[in-house]
Amino acid sequence: MVRGSRKSILVVGMGNEYRRDDGIGVVVARHLKSIVGRSDDVDIVEAVDASNIIDMMEMGYKKIIIVDALPFNTVGEVYRFRKGSLLNMNSHLIHPSSTHAMDIIEAVRLAETLGIANDIDVVILGVGSKDFGIGKGLSKELEERMEMVVGEVIKEMNAMGE
């Protein structure tokens, strides 16, 4: 990606694929790439650390959708958090012990403070997950809900400007 991207939407699959369900964002991003392919309007990337999102916000996107695992017992349930609510939220409410060096809420707050995120529609799609142990591959319960999670991301992509 180069500065001043002309693409409207960036989908960021957050997570660590070697921490089981924490890899849901990465798995979703890879699945979306296979569905969407090359697009004139959408970039899909993987990220392990939320601090990278600040740099991504400077690329000129109108909307950034971040997919990440949440340590909620409602496995596969998708929770939407919009930028306005994120700025007023205690990050420990949705990530009591994040595996990221900087959590997503902190990154969005910093980008807003720096004036980087002011005109960007930022949405986090948090996916209820339960197994954050060492190992590759999603839990069976989350794997069974993956298509539904991808569908929710596609809905959000199609909701541009709403």
N, C-alpha and C. Protein backbone atom coordinates (compact mmCIF):
# COMPACT_ATOMS: atom_id res chain seq x y z
N MET A 1 0.85 -1.18 0.00
CA MET A 1 0.00 0.00 0.00
C MET A 1 0.89 1.24 0.00
N VAL A 2 0.41 2.25 -0.65
CA VAL A 2 1.14 3.50 -0.67
C VAL A 2 0.28 4.60 -0.08
N ARG A 3 0.92 5.64 0.38
CA ARG A 3 0.17 6.78 0.93
C ARG A 3 -0.81 7.29 -0.10
N GLY A 4 -1.96 7.71 0.40
CA GLY A 4 -2.96 8.26 -0.49
C GLY A 4 -3.69 7.18 -1.29
N SER A 5 -3.87 6.01 -0.69
CA SER A 5 -4.59 4.93 -1.35
C SER A 5 -5.93 5.43 -1.86
N ARG A 6 -6.32 4.98 -3.03
CA ARG A 6 -7.61 5.37 -3.59
C ARG A 6 -8.69 4.35 -3.22
N LYS A 7 -8.34 3.33 -2.50
CA LYS A 7 -9.31 2.32 -2.10
C LYS A 7 -10.13 2.84 -0.93
N SER A 8 -11.37 2.44 -0.87
CA SER A 8 -12.28 2.95 0.15
C SER A 8 -12.22 2.20 1.46
N ILE A 9 -12.01 0.89 1.39
CA ILE A 9 -12.14 0.04 2.57
C ILE A 9 -10.87 -0.76 2.82
N LEU A 10 -10.49 -0.81 4.09
CA LEU A 10 -9.41 -1.68 4.53
C LEU A 10 -9.98 -2.64 5.55
N VAL A 11 -9.78 -3.94 5.35
CA VAL A 11 -10.15 -4.95 6.34
C VAL A 11 -8.85 -5.45 6.95
N VAL A 12 -8.77 -5.38 8.28
CA VAL A 12 -7.57 -5.81 9.01
C VAL A 12 -7.93 -7.03 9.84
N GLY A 13 -7.32 -8.15 9.53
CA GLY A 13 -7.49 -9.36 10.34
C GLY A 13 -6.42 -9.39 11.41
N MET A 14 -6.81 -9.09 12.65
CA MET A 14 -5.87 -9.03 13.78
C MET A 14 -5.74 -10.40 14.42
N GLY A 15 -4.56 -10.67 14.94
CA GLY A 15 -4.41 -11.86 15.76
C GLY A 15 -3.14 -12.63 15.53
N ASN A 16 -3.00 -13.64 16.35
CA ASN A 16 -1.84 -14.52 16.32
C ASN A 16 -2.33 -15.93 16.00
N GLU A 17 -2.05 -16.41 14.82
CA GLU A 17 -2.55 -17.71 14.40
C GLU A 17 -1.94 -18.87 15.20
N TYR A 18 -0.92 -18.61 16.02
CA TYR A 18 -0.32 -19.64 16.86
C TYR A 18 -0.85 -19.62 18.28
N ARG A 19 -1.95 -18.87 18.49
CA ARG A 19 -2.64 -18.82 19.79
C ARG A 19 -4.11 -19.20 19.60
N ARG A 20 -4.33 -20.26 18.84
CA ARG A 20 -5.64 -20.86 18.59
C ARG A 20 -6.68 -19.81 18.15
N ASP A 21 -7.73 -19.58 18.94
CA ASP A 21 -8.82 -18.69 18.53
C ASP A 21 -8.38 -17.24 18.34
N ASP A 22 -7.25 -16.86 18.91
CA ASP A 22 -6.74 -15.50 18.70
C ASP A 22 -6.46 -15.26 17.21
N GLY A 23 -6.34 -16.31 16.44
CA GLY A 23 -6.07 -16.19 15.01
C GLY A 23 -7.31 -15.98 14.15
N ILE A 24 -8.49 -15.79 14.74
CA ILE A 24 -9.72 -15.67 13.94
C ILE A 24 -9.63 -14.51 12.94
N GLY A 25 -9.05 -13.39 13.31
CA GLY A 25 -8.94 -12.27 12.38
C GLY A 25 -8.10 -12.62 11.18
N VAL A 26 -7.01 -13.33 11.39
CA VAL A 26 -6.11 -13.75 10.32
C VAL A 26 -6.83 -14.75 9.40
N VAL A 27 -7.54 -15.72 10.00
CA VAL A 27 -8.27 -16.72 9.22
C VAL A 27 -9.35 -16.05 8.37
N VAL A 28 -10.07 -15.11 8.96
CA VAL A 28 -11.12 -14.39 8.22
C VAL A 28 -10.50 -13.59 7.07
N ALA A 29 -9.39 -12.90 7.34
CA ALA A 29 -8.74 -12.11 6.29
C ALA A 29 -8.33 -13.01 5.12
N ARG A 30 -7.76 -14.15 5.41
CA ARG A 30 -7.34 -15.07 4.34
C ARG A 30 -8.54 -15.60 3.56
N HIS A 31 -9.61 -15.90 4.27
CA HIS A 31 -10.82 -16.37 3.60
C HIS A 31 -11.41 -15.27 2.71
N LEU A 32 -11.45 -14.05 3.23
CA LEU A 32 -11.96 -12.92 2.43
C LEU A 32 -11.12 -12.71 1.17
N LYS A 33 -9.80 -12.84 1.31
CA LYS A 33 -8.92 -12.68 0.14
C LYS A 33 -9.28 -13.70 -0.93
N SER A 34 -9.62 -14.92 -0.52
CA SER A 34 -9.96 -15.95 -1.51
C SER A 34 -11.31 -15.66 -2.17
N ILE A 35 -12.21 -14.97 -1.47
CA ILE A 35 -13.52 -14.63 -2.02
C ILE A 35 -13.44 -13.36 -2.87
N VAL A 36 -12.84 -12.31 -2.29
CA VAL A 36 -12.81 -11.00 -2.93
C VAL A 36 -11.75 -10.94 -4.03
N GLY A 37 -10.63 -11.61 -3.80
CA GLY A 37 -9.53 -11.55 -4.77
C GLY A 37 -8.98 -10.14 -4.83
N ARG A 38 -8.51 -9.74 -5.98
CA ARG A 38 -8.02 -8.37 -6.16
C ARG A 38 -9.23 -7.47 -6.36
N SER A 39 -9.25 -6.39 -5.63
CA SER A 39 -10.39 -5.46 -5.71
C SER A 39 -9.87 -4.05 -5.89
N ASP A 40 -10.62 -3.28 -6.64
CA ASP A 40 -10.27 -1.87 -6.82
C ASP A 40 -10.67 -1.03 -5.62
N ASP A 41 -11.52 -1.59 -4.75
CA ASP A 41 -12.07 -0.78 -3.67
C ASP A 41 -11.71 -1.28 -2.27
N VAL A 42 -11.15 -2.49 -2.15
CA VAL A 42 -10.92 -3.10 -0.83
C VAL A 42 -9.50 -3.65 -0.74
N ASP A 43 -8.82 -3.34 0.37
CA ASP A 43 -7.56 -3.98 0.72
C ASP A 43 -7.83 -4.87 1.92
N ILE A 44 -7.21 -6.03 1.96
CA ILE A 44 -7.36 -6.95 3.09
C ILE A 44 -5.96 -7.31 3.55
N VAL A 45 -5.68 -7.06 4.84
CA VAL A 45 -4.35 -7.32 5.39
C VAL A 45 -4.46 -8.07 6.71
N GLU A 46 -3.33 -8.63 7.13
CA GLU A 46 -3.23 -9.30 8.42
C GLU A 46 -2.29 -8.49 9.30
N ALA A 47 -2.59 -8.45 10.60
CA ALA A 47 -1.73 -7.72 11.53
C ALA A 47 -1.69 -8.44 12.87
N VAL A 48 -0.53 -8.43 13.50
CA VAL A 48 -0.38 -9.03 14.82
C VAL A 48 -0.51 -7.97 15.90
N ASP A 49 -0.11 -6.75 15.60
CA ASP A 49 -0.09 -5.69 16.60
C ASP A 49 -0.94 -4.50 16.16
N ALA A 50 -1.73 -3.97 17.06
CA ALA A 50 -2.64 -2.87 16.74
C ALA A 50 -1.91 -1.57 16.44
N SER A 51 -0.67 -1.43 16.86
CA SER A 51 0.05 -0.18 16.58
C SER A 51 0.20 0.02 15.06
N ASN A 52 0.17 -1.07 14.30
CA ASN A 52 0.24 -0.97 12.84
C ASN A 52 -0.98 -0.28 12.25
N ILE A 53 -2.08 -0.32 12.97
CA ILE A 53 -3.33 0.29 12.49
C ILE A 53 -3.17 1.80 12.34
N ILE A 54 -2.39 2.41 13.21
CA ILE A 54 -2.17 3.86 13.12
C ILE A 54 -1.56 4.22 11.77
N ASP A 55 -0.56 3.47 11.35
CA ASP A 55 0.04 3.71 10.03
C ASP A 55 -0.98 3.47 8.92
N MET A 56 -1.80 2.44 9.06
CA MET A 56 -2.79 2.12 8.04
C MET A 56 -3.83 3.22 7.90
N MET A 57 -4.12 3.92 8.99
CA MET A 57 -5.11 5.00 8.97
C MET A 57 -4.63 6.19 8.15
N GLU A 58 -3.34 6.30 7.94
CA GLU A 58 -2.79 7.41 7.16
C GLU A 58 -2.84 7.15 5.65
N MET A 59 -3.37 6.02 5.25
CA MET A 59 -3.36 5.63 3.84
C MET A 59 -4.52 6.19 3.02
N GLY A 60 -5.46 6.85 3.66
CA GLY A 60 -6.54 7.47 2.90
C GLY A 60 -7.81 6.65 2.75
N TYR A 61 -7.98 5.63 3.57
CA TYR A 61 -9.22 4.83 3.51
C TYR A 61 -10.38 5.61 4.12
N LYS A 62 -11.58 5.32 3.63
CA LYS A 62 -12.79 5.92 4.20
C LYS A 62 -13.30 5.07 5.36
N LYS A 63 -13.07 3.76 5.29
CA LYS A 63 -13.56 2.85 6.31
C LYS A 63 -12.50 1.79 6.60
N ILE A 64 -12.30 1.52 7.88
CA ILE A 64 -11.41 0.44 8.30
C ILE A 64 -12.21 -0.50 9.19
N ILE A 65 -12.21 -1.77 8.80
CA ILE A 65 -12.90 -2.82 9.55
C ILE A 65 -11.83 -3.71 10.16
N ILE A 66 -11.84 -3.81 11.48
CA ILE A 66 -10.84 -4.62 12.18
C ILE A 66 -11.55 -5.84 12.76
N VAL A 67 -11.04 -7.02 12.43
CA VAL A 67 -11.61 -8.27 12.94
C VAL A 67 -10.63 -8.84 13.95
N ASP A 68 -11.13 -9.08 15.18
CA ASP A 68 -10.25 -9.56 16.24
C ASP A 68 -11.02 -10.46 17.19
N ALA A 69 -10.31 -11.32 17.86
CA ALA A 69 -10.90 -12.23 18.85
C ALA A 69 -11.16 -11.49 20.15
N LEU A 70 -12.27 -11.83 20.80
CA LEU A 70 -12.59 -11.32 22.13
C LEU A 70 -12.72 -12.51 23.08
N PRO A 71 -12.21 -12.38 24.29
CA PRO A 71 -12.29 -13.49 25.24
C PRO A 71 -13.68 -13.59 25.89
N PHE A 72 -14.70 -13.76 25.05
CA PHE A 72 -16.08 -13.88 25.52
C PHE A 72 -16.52 -15.33 25.33
N ASN A 73 -17.34 -15.83 26.22
CA ASN A 73 -17.79 -17.22 26.13
C ASN A 73 -18.81 -17.47 25.03
N THR A 74 -19.27 -16.43 24.38
CA THR A 74 -20.23 -16.58 23.29
C THR A 74 -19.44 -16.82 21.99
N VAL A 75 -18.91 -18.01 21.86
CA VAL A 75 -18.00 -18.35 20.76
C VAL A 75 -18.69 -18.14 19.41
N GLY A 76 -18.03 -17.35 18.58
CA GLY A 76 -18.53 -17.08 17.24
C GLY A 76 -19.48 -15.92 17.13
N GLU A 77 -19.94 -15.40 18.25
CA GLU A 77 -20.82 -14.23 18.24
C GLU A 77 -19.99 -13.01 17.82
N VAL A 78 -20.55 -12.17 16.94
CA VAL A 78 -19.83 -11.00 16.45
C VAL A 78 -20.39 -9.75 17.12
N TYR A 79 -19.50 -8.97 17.72
CA TYR A 79 -19.86 -7.72 18.40
C TYR A 79 -19.29 -6.55 17.60
N ARG A 80 -20.14 -5.57 17.29
CA ARG A 80 -19.71 -4.38 16.53
C ARG A 80 -19.42 -3.23 17.49
N PHE A 81 -18.26 -2.64 17.31
CA PHE A 81 -17.87 -1.46 18.08
C PHE A 81 -17.48 -0.38 17.08
N ARG A 82 -18.19 0.72 17.08
CA ARG A 82 -17.88 1.84 16.19
C ARG A 82 -16.94 2.81 16.89
N LYS A 83 -16.24 3.61 16.10
CA LYS A 83 -15.21 4.51 16.63
C LYS A 83 -15.73 5.38 17.77
N GLY A 84 -16.91 5.96 17.63
CA GLY A 84 -17.44 6.84 18.68
C GLY A 84 -17.55 6.15 20.02
N SER A 85 -18.01 4.93 20.04
CA SER A 85 -18.14 4.20 21.31
C SER A 85 -16.77 3.74 21.81
N LEU A 86 -15.86 3.44 20.89
CA LEU A 86 -14.52 3.00 21.30
C LEU A 86 -13.77 4.09 22.06
N LEU A 87 -13.95 5.33 21.62
CA LEU A 87 -13.22 6.43 22.24
C LEU A 87 -13.63 6.65 23.69
N ASN A 88 -14.81 6.20 24.05
CA ASN A 88 -15.31 6.37 25.42
C ASN A 88 -15.28 5.08 26.24
N MET A 89 -14.67 4.04 25.70
CA MET A 89 -14.71 2.73 26.33
C MET A 89 -13.42 2.43 27.07
N ASN A 90 -13.55 1.72 28.18
CA ASN A 90 -12.40 1.19 28.90
C ASN A 90 -11.91 -0.04 28.13
N SER A 91 -10.70 -0.02 27.64
CA SER A 91 -10.21 -1.12 26.80
C SER A 91 -10.23 -2.45 27.53
N HIS A 92 -10.14 -2.45 28.84
CA HIS A 92 -10.14 -3.71 29.58
C HIS A 92 -11.51 -4.36 29.61
N LEU A 93 -12.55 -3.64 29.19
CA LEU A 93 -13.88 -4.25 29.13
C LEU A 93 -13.97 -5.27 28.01
N ILE A 94 -13.32 -4.99 26.89
CA ILE A 94 -13.39 -5.95 25.79
C ILE A 94 -12.12 -6.77 25.65
N HIS A 95 -11.00 -6.30 26.18
CA HIS A 95 -9.74 -7.04 26.13
C HIS A 95 -9.07 -7.01 27.50
N PRO A 96 -9.56 -7.82 28.45
CA PRO A 96 -8.96 -7.79 29.79
C PRO A 96 -7.48 -8.14 29.81
N SER A 97 -7.04 -8.97 28.88
CA SER A 97 -5.62 -9.29 28.79
C SER A 97 -5.27 -9.54 27.32
N SER A 98 -5.02 -8.47 26.62
CA SER A 98 -4.76 -8.53 25.18
C SER A 98 -3.43 -9.20 24.89
N THR A 99 -3.39 -9.93 23.76
CA THR A 99 -2.12 -10.53 23.34
C THR A 99 -1.35 -9.57 22.45
N HIS A 100 -1.89 -8.37 22.20
CA HIS A 100 -1.22 -7.37 21.37
C HIS A 100 -0.40 -6.44 22.25
N ALA A 101 0.71 -5.93 21.71
CA ALA A 101 1.55 -4.99 22.46
C ALA A 101 0.76 -3.71 22.77
N MET A 102 -0.02 -3.25 21.81
CA MET A 102 -0.91 -2.11 22.00
C MET A 102 -2.30 -2.60 21.61
N ASP A 103 -3.30 -2.36 22.47
CA ASP A 103 -4.60 -2.85 22.08
C ASP A 103 -5.27 -1.91 21.08
N ILE A 104 -6.28 -2.40 20.43
CA ILE A 104 -6.93 -1.69 19.33
C ILE A 104 -7.54 -0.37 19.80
N ILE A 105 -8.16 -0.38 20.95
CA ILE A 105 -8.79 0.85 21.46
C ILE A 105 -7.74 1.93 21.69
N GLU A 106 -6.60 1.55 22.27
CA GLU A 106 -5.51 2.51 22.46
C GLU A 106 -5.03 3.07 21.13
N ALA A 107 -4.92 2.21 20.11
CA ALA A 107 -4.46 2.65 18.80
C ALA A 107 -5.45 3.63 18.17
N VAL A 108 -6.75 3.33 18.27
CA VAL A 108 -7.77 4.23 17.71
C VAL A 108 -7.77 5.56 18.45
N ARG A 109 -7.66 5.52 19.78
CA ARG A 109 -7.60 6.77 20.56
C ARG A 109 -6.39 7.62 20.16
N LEU A 110 -5.24 6.99 20.05
CA LEU A 110 -4.03 7.72 19.68
C LEU A 110 -4.18 8.32 18.28
N ALA A 111 -4.69 7.54 17.34
CA ALA A 111 -4.88 8.05 15.98
C ALA A 111 -5.86 9.22 15.96
N GLU A 112 -6.89 9.15 16.78
CA GLU A 112 -7.87 10.25 16.86
C GLU A 112 -7.21 11.49 17.47
N THR A 113 -6.43 11.30 18.53
CA THR A 113 -5.73 12.42 19.18
C THR A 113 -4.75 13.09 18.21
N LEU A 114 -4.09 12.29 17.38
CA LEU A 114 -3.13 12.82 16.41
C LEU A 114 -3.82 13.41 15.17
N GLY A 115 -5.15 13.27 15.10
CA GLY A 115 -5.90 13.80 13.97
C GLY A 115 -5.87 12.90 12.74
N ILE A 116 -5.38 11.68 12.91
CA ILE A 116 -5.25 10.76 11.79
C ILE A 116 -6.58 10.09 11.45
N ALA A 117 -7.37 9.78 12.47
CA ALA A 117 -8.58 8.98 12.26
C ALA A 117 -9.86 9.81 12.18
N ASN A 118 -9.74 11.12 12.17
CA ASN A 118 -10.92 11.98 12.24
C ASN A 118 -11.98 11.68 11.19
N ASP A 119 -11.59 11.46 9.96
CA ASP A 119 -12.54 11.28 8.87
C ASP A 119 -12.69 9.83 8.43
N ILE A 120 -12.29 8.90 9.29
CA ILE A 120 -12.35 7.48 8.94
C ILE A 120 -13.42 6.79 9.78
N ASP A 121 -14.26 6.01 9.12
CA ASP A 121 -15.24 5.18 9.81
C ASP A 121 -14.49 3.93 10.27
N VAL A 122 -14.26 3.81 11.57
CA VAL A 122 -13.54 2.66 12.12
C VAL A 122 -14.54 1.76 12.84
N VAL A 123 -14.52 0.49 12.49
CA VAL A 123 -15.41 -0.49 13.09
C VAL A 123 -14.58 -1.70 13.52
N ILE A 124 -14.77 -2.11 14.76
CA ILE A 124 -14.16 -3.36 15.22
C ILE A 124 -15.25 -4.41 15.24
N LEU A 125 -14.98 -5.53 14.60
CA LEU A 125 -15.86 -6.68 14.70
C LEU A 125 -15.14 -7.67 15.60
N GLY A 126 -15.56 -7.68 16.87
CA GLY A 126 -14.96 -8.58 17.85
C GLY A 126 -15.69 -9.91 17.81
N VAL A 127 -14.94 -10.99 17.77
CA VAL A 127 -15.53 -12.32 17.66
C VAL A 127 -15.32 -13.07 18.96
N GLY A 128 -16.42 -13.48 19.59
CA GLY A 128 -16.33 -14.26 20.82
C GLY A 128 -15.48 -15.50 20.61
N SER A 129 -14.49 -15.68 21.47
CA SER A 129 -13.52 -16.78 21.32
C SER A 129 -13.20 -17.33 22.70
N LYS A 130 -12.76 -18.59 22.75
CA LYS A 130 -12.51 -19.16 24.07
C LYS A 130 -11.13 -19.77 24.27
N ASP A 131 -10.50 -20.24 23.21
CA ASP A 131 -9.24 -20.97 23.36
C ASP A 131 -8.08 -20.10 22.87
N PHE A 132 -7.29 -19.57 23.82
CA PHE A 132 -6.15 -18.73 23.48
C PHE A 132 -4.83 -19.43 23.81
N GLY A 133 -4.88 -20.75 23.91
CA GLY A 133 -3.69 -21.52 24.23
C GLY A 133 -2.74 -21.60 23.05
N ILE A 134 -1.58 -22.15 23.31
CA ILE A 134 -0.56 -22.31 22.27
C ILE A 134 -1.04 -23.39 21.29
N GLY A 135 -0.90 -23.11 20.02
CA GLY A 135 -1.28 -24.08 18.99
C GLY A 135 -1.87 -23.38 17.80
N LYS A 136 -1.86 -24.05 16.68
CA LYS A 136 -2.37 -23.48 15.44
C LYS A 136 -3.74 -24.09 15.16
N GLY A 137 -4.64 -23.28 14.66
CA GLY A 137 -5.97 -23.74 14.31
C GLY A 137 -7.01 -23.27 15.31
N LEU A 138 -8.17 -22.93 14.78
CA LEU A 138 -9.27 -22.45 15.63
C LEU A 138 -9.91 -23.60 16.38
N SER A 139 -10.58 -23.27 17.49
CA SER A 139 -11.35 -24.29 18.21
C SER A 139 -12.45 -24.78 17.28
N LYS A 140 -12.94 -25.99 17.54
CA LYS A 140 -13.99 -26.57 16.70
C LYS A 140 -15.22 -25.67 16.66
N GLU A 141 -15.60 -25.11 17.82
CA GLU A 141 -16.79 -24.25 17.89
C GLU A 141 -16.63 -23.00 17.03
N LEU A 142 -15.45 -22.40 17.06
CA LEU A 142 -15.22 -21.19 16.29
C LEU A 142 -15.10 -21.52 14.79
N GLU A 143 -14.45 -22.62 14.49
CA GLU A 143 -14.34 -23.07 13.09
C GLU A 143 -15.73 -23.26 12.48
N GLU A 144 -16.66 -23.82 13.25
CA GLU A 144 -18.02 -24.05 12.76
C GLU A 144 -18.77 -22.75 12.50
N ARG A 145 -18.38 -21.65 13.12
CA ARG A 145 -19.05 -20.35 12.98
C ARG A 145 -18.31 -19.41 12.03
N MET A 146 -17.20 -19.87 11.45
CA MET A 146 -16.35 -19.00 10.65
C MET A 146 -17.08 -18.40 9.45
N GLU A 147 -17.87 -19.17 8.73
CA GLU A 147 -18.59 -18.65 7.57
C GLU A 147 -19.54 -17.52 7.97
N MET A 148 -20.19 -17.68 9.12
CA MET A 148 -21.08 -16.64 9.61
C MET A 148 -20.29 -15.36 9.94
N VAL A 149 -19.12 -15.52 10.53
CA VAL A 149 -18.27 -14.38 10.86
C VAL A 149 -17.85 -13.66 9.56
N VAL A 150 -17.44 -14.42 8.56
CA VAL A 150 -17.07 -13.83 7.27
C VAL A 150 -18.26 -13.08 6.69
N GLY A 151 -19.45 -13.64 6.81
CA GLY A 151 -20.66 -12.98 6.33
C GLY A 151 -20.90 -11.64 7.01
N GLU A 152 -20.61 -11.56 8.29
CA GLU A 152 -20.77 -10.30 9.03
C GLU A 152 -19.78 -9.25 8.54
N VAL A 153 -18.57 -9.68 8.21
CA VAL A 153 -17.57 -8.74 7.68
C VAL A 153 -18.03 -8.23 6.31
N ILE A 154 -18.54 -9.11 5.49
CA ILE A 154 -19.02 -8.71 4.16
C ILE A 154 -20.19 -7.73 4.30
N LYS A 155 -21.09 -7.99 5.25
CA LYS A 155 -22.20 -7.04 5.50
C LYS A 155 -21.66 -5.67 5.85
N GLU A 156 -20.63 -5.64 6.71
CA GLU A 156 -20.04 -4.36 7.12
C GLU A 156 -19.36 -3.68 5.94
N MET A 157 -18.73 -4.45 5.08
CA MET A 157 -18.09 -3.88 3.89
C MET A 157 -19.15 -3.24 2.97
N ASN A 158 -20.30 -3.88 2.88
CA ASN A 158 -21.39 -3.39 2.02
C ASN A 158 -22.14 -2.22 2.64
N ALA A 159 -21.93 -1.97 3.92
CA ALA A 159 -22.63 -0.90 4.64
C ALA A 159 -21.88 0.43 4.55
N MET A 160 -21.12 0.62 3.52
CA MET A 160 -20.33 1.83 3.35
C MET A 160 -21.22 3.07 3.38
N GLY A 161 -20.86 4.02 4.22
CA GLY A 161 -21.55 5.29 4.26
C GLY A 161 -22.84 5.29 5.06
N GLU A 162 -23.13 4.19 5.77
CA GLU A 162 -24.36 4.16 6.58
C GLU A 162 -24.11 4.68 7.96
